[in-house]
Amino acid sequence: MISLEDNATDIIGKAQRGLGISDSELAAKARVNAQTIRKLHEGDFDESALLGVAPVLGLDGRTLSEIAHGEWRPNDMESLDGLAQFTTDYNGMAVNAYLVWDPAKRMAAAFDTGADSRGMVRFAKHHKLQVQLILLTHAHPDHIADLPGLREETGADVFTPAREAVPGAEPIEEGKKFRLGDLQIDTRLTWGHSRGGMTYVVTGLPRPVAIVGDSLFAGSMGGGNVSYRDALQNNLEKILTLPDETIICPGHGPMTTVGEEKQHNPFFAGKL
């Protein structure tokens, strides 16, 4: 079972850094003392303190409390013919890559490579899949570490967001569409964590699938390294407006759904 990428301390920290709020400012606005803020950062989750800081940080208190006390994680995803997740270790950090394929025509696309693509390659060979596309969500090293190996093994064409150049990859803009047998892959620019973060929305399987990179996690989101405001807005407008049954495939942590994130993600609960 893959653990949640972020705990409540991580979530508070991402929101606090994104908004540029210091510990002393947070304490004053939440009407708690500095020691209480320190305890939250250390993982000592006092309920009244959680509920006090949440609105100051634009977070939902109920769902923040759920995650703080280990009361929520997404339901285990039922197997979907046409989707597989591959989790590898990158310097002690678990990172996800994905294969999506047309179950009838066996045409496949790889999304990112993770630290080691050999498991993905073995899976594709075992299931007689022809990997025709390698689609990158963004160019952070943990997500493209084995791009040379995957490209050599598959001979697939490689595409990267135009804002994040990768040697040997063709740059693409938002709105680019791909056909993969009877599947369609649409692109949505969900930048904020990185300059060119791209979400790929796959239709044609029994359920829609969104490969989101580090834009969104189960119960959290990628840090707003480039623009926290835009990261929030893009997640709200371009991912969480998809149908509730859409499977979200993040770059870290377990898979989830749009419906679950709308109800249980502290950054977004109650905003849609």
Protein backbone atom coordinates (compact mmCIF):
# COMPACT_ATOMS: atom_id res chain seq x y z
CA MET A 1 0.00 0.00 0.00
CA ILE A 2 1.41 3.37 -1.02
CA SER A 3 1.38 5.94 1.77
CA LEU A 4 0.03 9.46 1.38
CA GLU A 5 2.73 11.74 0.05
CA ASP A 6 2.04 14.46 2.64
CA ASN A 7 1.01 14.55 6.28
CA ALA A 8 -0.67 17.50 7.95
CA THR A 9 2.68 19.10 8.78
CA ASP A 10 3.64 19.02 5.09
CA ILE A 11 0.27 20.49 4.10
CA ILE A 12 0.51 23.33 6.61
CA GLY A 13 4.08 24.04 5.50
CA LYS A 14 3.19 24.15 1.80
CA ALA A 15 0.29 26.52 2.41
CA GLN A 16 2.31 28.71 4.75
CA ARG A 17 5.25 29.00 2.34
CA GLY A 18 2.94 29.55 -0.60
CA LEU A 19 1.19 32.43 1.11
CA GLY A 20 4.41 33.85 2.56
CA ILE A 21 3.11 33.77 6.13
CA SER A 22 5.71 33.57 8.90
CA ASP A 23 5.23 31.52 12.06
CA SER A 24 4.67 34.67 14.10
CA GLU A 25 2.10 35.99 11.62
CA LEU A 26 0.32 32.64 11.59
CA ALA A 27 0.23 32.54 15.39
CA ALA A 28 -1.21 36.04 15.58
CA LYS A 29 -3.87 35.51 12.91
CA ALA A 30 -4.89 32.13 14.32
CA ARG A 31 -4.85 33.51 17.88
CA VAL A 32 -2.51 30.85 19.21
CA ASN A 33 0.95 31.15 20.72
CA ALA A 34 4.27 30.53 18.95
CA GLN A 35 4.82 27.26 20.81
CA THR A 36 1.56 25.90 19.39
CA ILE A 37 2.77 26.63 15.85
CA ARG A 38 6.08 24.92 16.59
CA LYS A 39 4.23 21.85 17.82
CA LEU A 40 2.17 21.70 14.64
CA HIS A 41 5.36 21.78 12.59
CA GLU A 42 6.70 18.96 14.77
CA GLY A 43 3.62 16.80 14.21
CA ASP A 44 1.86 17.45 17.52
CA PHE A 45 -1.64 18.01 16.19
CA ASP A 46 -3.81 19.77 18.75
CA GLU A 47 -7.33 19.84 17.33
CA SER A 48 -8.15 23.41 18.27
CA ALA A 49 -4.83 24.58 16.83
CA LEU A 50 -5.48 22.77 13.55
CA LEU A 51 -8.91 24.32 13.25
CA GLY A 52 -7.43 27.71 14.11
CA VAL A 53 -4.67 27.80 11.51
CA ALA A 54 -6.65 26.16 8.70
CA PRO A 55 -8.77 29.18 7.63
CA VAL A 56 -5.77 31.50 7.91
CA LEU A 57 -3.97 29.26 5.40
CA GLY A 58 -6.96 28.79 3.13
CA LEU A 59 -7.27 25.15 4.16
CA ASP A 60 -10.34 23.16 5.14
CA GLY A 61 -10.15 22.37 8.85
CA ARG A 62 -12.21 19.19 8.81
CA THR A 63 -10.15 17.47 6.14
CA LEU A 64 -6.86 18.74 7.57
CA SER A 65 -7.85 17.13 10.87
CA GLU A 66 -8.75 13.87 9.10
CA ILE A 67 -5.29 13.63 7.59
CA ALA A 68 -3.56 14.73 10.80
CA HIS A 69 -5.20 11.90 12.73
CA GLY A 70 -4.84 9.25 10.02
CA GLU A 71 -8.58 9.05 9.43
CA TRP A 72 -8.55 9.27 5.64
CA ARG A 73 -6.81 7.85 2.65
CA PRO A 74 -8.31 7.26 -0.81
CA ASN A 75 -10.14 4.03 -1.43
CA ASP A 76 -8.00 1.34 -3.00
CA MET A 77 -8.28 1.67 -6.75
CA GLU A 78 -9.97 -1.19 -8.56
CA SER A 79 -7.93 -2.64 -11.39
CA LEU A 80 -8.61 -0.92 -14.72
CA ASP A 81 -7.62 -2.71 -17.91
CA GLY A 82 -5.56 -0.10 -19.69
CA LEU A 83 -3.82 1.51 -16.69
CA ALA A 84 -0.80 0.45 -14.62
CA GLN A 85 1.25 2.29 -12.00
CA PHE A 86 4.98 1.76 -11.43
CA THR A 87 6.63 3.02 -8.25
CA THR A 88 10.41 3.25 -7.95
CA ASP A 89 12.86 4.67 -5.43
CA TYR A 90 14.71 7.88 -6.24
CA ASN A 91 17.21 8.73 -3.50
CA GLY A 92 14.85 7.47 -0.81
CA MET A 93 11.75 9.04 -2.35
CA ALA A 94 9.02 6.96 -3.98
CA VAL A 95 8.08 8.26 -7.43
CA ASN A 96 5.37 7.05 -9.80
CA ALA A 97 5.25 6.49 -13.54
CA TYR A 98 2.36 5.07 -15.56
CA LEU A 99 1.43 3.06 -18.62
CA VAL A 100 -1.89 3.62 -20.38
CA TRP A 101 -2.96 1.45 -23.31
CA ASP A 102 -5.79 0.57 -25.64
CA PRO A 103 -6.83 -2.90 -24.38
CA ALA A 104 -7.90 -4.04 -27.85
CA LYS A 105 -5.12 -2.65 -30.03
CA ARG A 106 -2.31 -2.94 -27.42
CA MET A 107 -0.95 0.53 -28.23
CA ALA A 108 0.54 2.16 -25.12
CA ALA A 109 1.85 5.46 -23.79
CA ALA A 110 4.29 5.86 -20.92
CA PHE A 111 3.92 8.83 -18.61
CA ASP A 112 7.26 9.75 -17.03
CA THR A 113 9.89 7.11 -16.25
CA GLY A 114 10.53 7.26 -12.53
CA ALA A 115 13.97 6.24 -11.32
CA ASP A 116 14.03 2.93 -13.18
CA SER A 117 11.83 1.98 -16.13
CA ARG A 118 12.81 -1.68 -16.31
CA GLY A 119 9.66 -2.84 -14.50
CA MET A 120 7.54 -0.88 -16.94
CA VAL A 121 9.41 -2.37 -19.90
CA ARG A 122 9.00 -5.91 -18.56
CA PHE A 123 5.28 -5.31 -18.02
CA ALA A 124 4.84 -3.98 -21.55
CA LYS A 125 6.64 -6.97 -23.05
CA HIS A 126 4.71 -9.48 -20.92
CA HIS A 127 1.38 -7.94 -21.93
CA LYS A 128 2.43 -7.51 -25.57
CA LEU A 129 2.06 -3.73 -25.47
CA GLN A 130 3.67 -1.48 -28.05
CA VAL A 131 4.85 1.68 -26.29
CA GLN A 132 4.50 4.41 -28.93
CA LEU A 133 4.61 7.57 -26.82
CA ILE A 134 6.55 8.82 -23.81
CA LEU A 135 4.72 11.83 -22.36
CA LEU A 136 6.45 13.84 -19.64
CA THR A 137 4.46 15.67 -16.98
CA HIS A 138 7.44 17.86 -16.09
CA ALA A 139 11.21 17.71 -16.17
CA HIS A 140 12.18 17.30 -12.51
CA PRO A 141 14.94 14.68 -12.28
CA ASP A 142 13.00 12.12 -10.24
CA HIS A 143 10.38 11.88 -12.99
CA ILE A 144 12.66 11.53 -16.01
CA ALA A 145 15.68 9.79 -14.47
CA ASP A 146 15.48 6.78 -16.79
CA LEU A 147 14.34 8.53 -19.94
CA PRO A 148 17.37 7.36 -21.95
CA GLY A 149 16.73 3.75 -20.97
CA LEU A 150 13.01 3.82 -21.71
CA ARG A 151 13.52 5.55 -25.03
CA GLU A 152 16.18 3.01 -26.05
CA GLU A 153 14.02 0.04 -25.06
CA THR A 154 10.84 1.25 -26.77
CA GLY A 155 11.90 3.56 -29.59
CA ALA A 156 8.92 5.72 -28.63
CA ASP A 157 8.56 9.39 -29.49
CA VAL A 158 9.11 11.65 -26.48
CA PHE A 159 7.12 14.81 -25.73
CA THR A 160 7.71 17.38 -22.99
CA PRO A 161 5.93 20.56 -21.89
CA ALA A 162 7.25 23.46 -23.97
CA ARG A 163 8.24 25.39 -20.84
CA GLU A 164 10.53 22.55 -19.69
CA ALA A 165 12.95 21.55 -22.42
CA VAL A 166 14.35 18.02 -22.37
CA PRO A 167 17.05 16.97 -24.87
CA GLY A 168 15.58 14.80 -27.61
CA ALA A 169 11.97 15.51 -26.64
CA GLU A 170 9.50 17.43 -28.78
CA PRO A 171 7.99 20.42 -26.93
CA ILE A 172 4.20 20.60 -26.73
CA GLU A 173 1.75 23.30 -25.70
CA GLU A 174 -1.56 23.05 -23.87
CA GLY A 175 -4.27 21.72 -26.16
CA LYS A 176 -2.08 19.19 -27.96
CA LYS A 177 -4.02 15.98 -28.61
CA PHE A 178 -2.76 12.44 -29.13
CA ARG A 179 -4.55 9.37 -30.46
CA LEU A 180 -3.62 5.97 -29.10
CA GLY A 181 -5.79 3.39 -30.81
CA ASP A 182 -9.30 4.25 -29.66
CA LEU A 183 -8.04 6.41 -26.79
CA GLN A 184 -7.66 10.17 -26.87
CA ILE A 185 -5.13 12.04 -24.75
CA ASP A 186 -5.70 15.75 -24.13
CA THR A 187 -3.20 18.11 -22.52
CA ARG A 188 -3.88 20.71 -19.81
CA LEU A 189 -1.23 23.10 -18.53
CA THR A 190 -1.26 22.80 -14.73
CA TRP A 191 1.86 24.76 -13.88
CA GLY A 192 2.75 26.23 -10.51
CA HIS A 193 4.77 23.43 -8.95
CA SER A 194 7.00 23.58 -12.01
CA ARG A 195 7.14 26.02 -14.93
CA GLY A 196 5.45 23.73 -17.41
CA GLY A 197 3.62 21.07 -15.44
CA MET A 198 1.28 19.23 -17.81
CA THR A 199 -1.74 17.06 -17.02
CA TYR A 200 -2.72 14.40 -19.54
CA VAL A 201 -6.42 13.47 -19.63
CA VAL A 202 -7.14 10.08 -21.19
CA THR A 203 -10.60 9.17 -22.45
CA GLY A 204 -11.76 5.96 -24.08
CA LEU A 205 -11.24 3.61 -21.12
CA PRO A 206 -14.21 2.70 -18.86
CA ARG A 207 -13.26 5.69 -16.68
CA PRO A 208 -11.42 8.92 -17.51
CA VAL A 209 -7.81 9.02 -16.32
CA ALA A 210 -5.75 12.12 -15.48
CA ILE A 211 -1.98 11.78 -15.17
CA VAL A 212 -1.13 14.90 -13.18
CA GLY A 213 2.55 14.68 -12.25
CA ASP A 214 3.21 16.74 -9.13
CA SER A 215 0.31 19.14 -9.64
CA LEU A 216 -1.97 17.24 -7.26
CA PHE A 217 -1.56 14.45 -4.71
CA ALA A 218 -4.07 12.40 -2.75
CA GLY A 219 -4.98 14.78 0.07
CA SER A 220 -2.44 17.41 -0.95
CA MET A 221 -0.65 19.04 -3.88
CA GLY A 222 2.85 19.77 -5.09
CA GLY A 223 4.51 22.75 -3.48
CA GLY A 224 3.98 26.01 -5.34
CA ASN A 225 7.67 26.32 -6.19
CA VAL A 226 6.99 28.63 -9.15
CA SER A 227 3.58 30.07 -8.26
CA TYR A 228 1.42 28.83 -5.41
CA ARG A 229 -1.56 30.92 -6.54
CA ASP A 230 -1.45 29.52 -10.06
CA ALA A 231 -0.91 25.98 -8.81
CA LEU A 232 -4.10 26.22 -6.74
CA GLN A 233 -6.09 27.80 -9.55
CA ASN A 234 -4.95 25.30 -12.18
CA ASN A 235 -5.78 22.35 -9.96
CA LEU A 236 -9.23 23.75 -9.27
CA GLU A 237 -10.05 24.71 -12.84
CA LYS A 238 -8.29 22.07 -14.92
CA ILE A 239 -8.23 18.90 -12.83
CA LEU A 240 -11.01 19.05 -10.25
CA THR A 241 -13.61 20.06 -12.85
CA LEU A 242 -13.22 16.65 -14.50
CA PRO A 243 -15.94 14.05 -13.76
CA ASP A 244 -15.90 12.75 -10.18
CA GLU A 245 -15.08 9.21 -11.32
CA THR A 246 -11.88 10.37 -13.04
CA ILE A 247 -8.86 8.46 -11.74
CA ILE A 248 -6.06 10.82 -10.70
CA CYS A 249 -2.57 9.40 -11.21
CA PRO A 250 -0.08 11.54 -9.24
CA GLY A 251 3.70 11.60 -9.39
CA HIS A 252 3.91 10.58 -5.72
CA GLY A 253 1.56 8.75 -3.38
CA PRO A 254 -1.51 6.62 -4.13
CA MET A 255 -3.96 7.05 -6.96
CA THR A 256 -7.20 8.81 -6.07
CA THR A 257 -10.26 10.26 -7.81
CA VAL A 258 -11.58 13.72 -8.53
CA GLY A 259 -14.59 13.02 -6.32
CA GLU A 260 -12.46 12.03 -3.33
CA GLU A 261 -10.19 15.05 -3.67
CA LYS A 262 -13.13 17.44 -3.83
CA GLN A 263 -14.32 15.99 -0.51
CA HIS A 264 -11.08 15.23 1.33
CA ASN A 265 -8.23 17.44 0.09
CA PRO A 266 -7.64 20.30 2.58
CA PHE A 267 -6.53 22.64 -0.22
CA PHE A 268 -9.77 22.22 -2.18
CA ALA A 269 -12.58 20.79 -0.02
CA GLY A 270 -15.57 23.10 -0.04
CA LYS A 271 -14.29 25.18 -2.97
CA LEU A 272 -16.16 23.36 -5.74
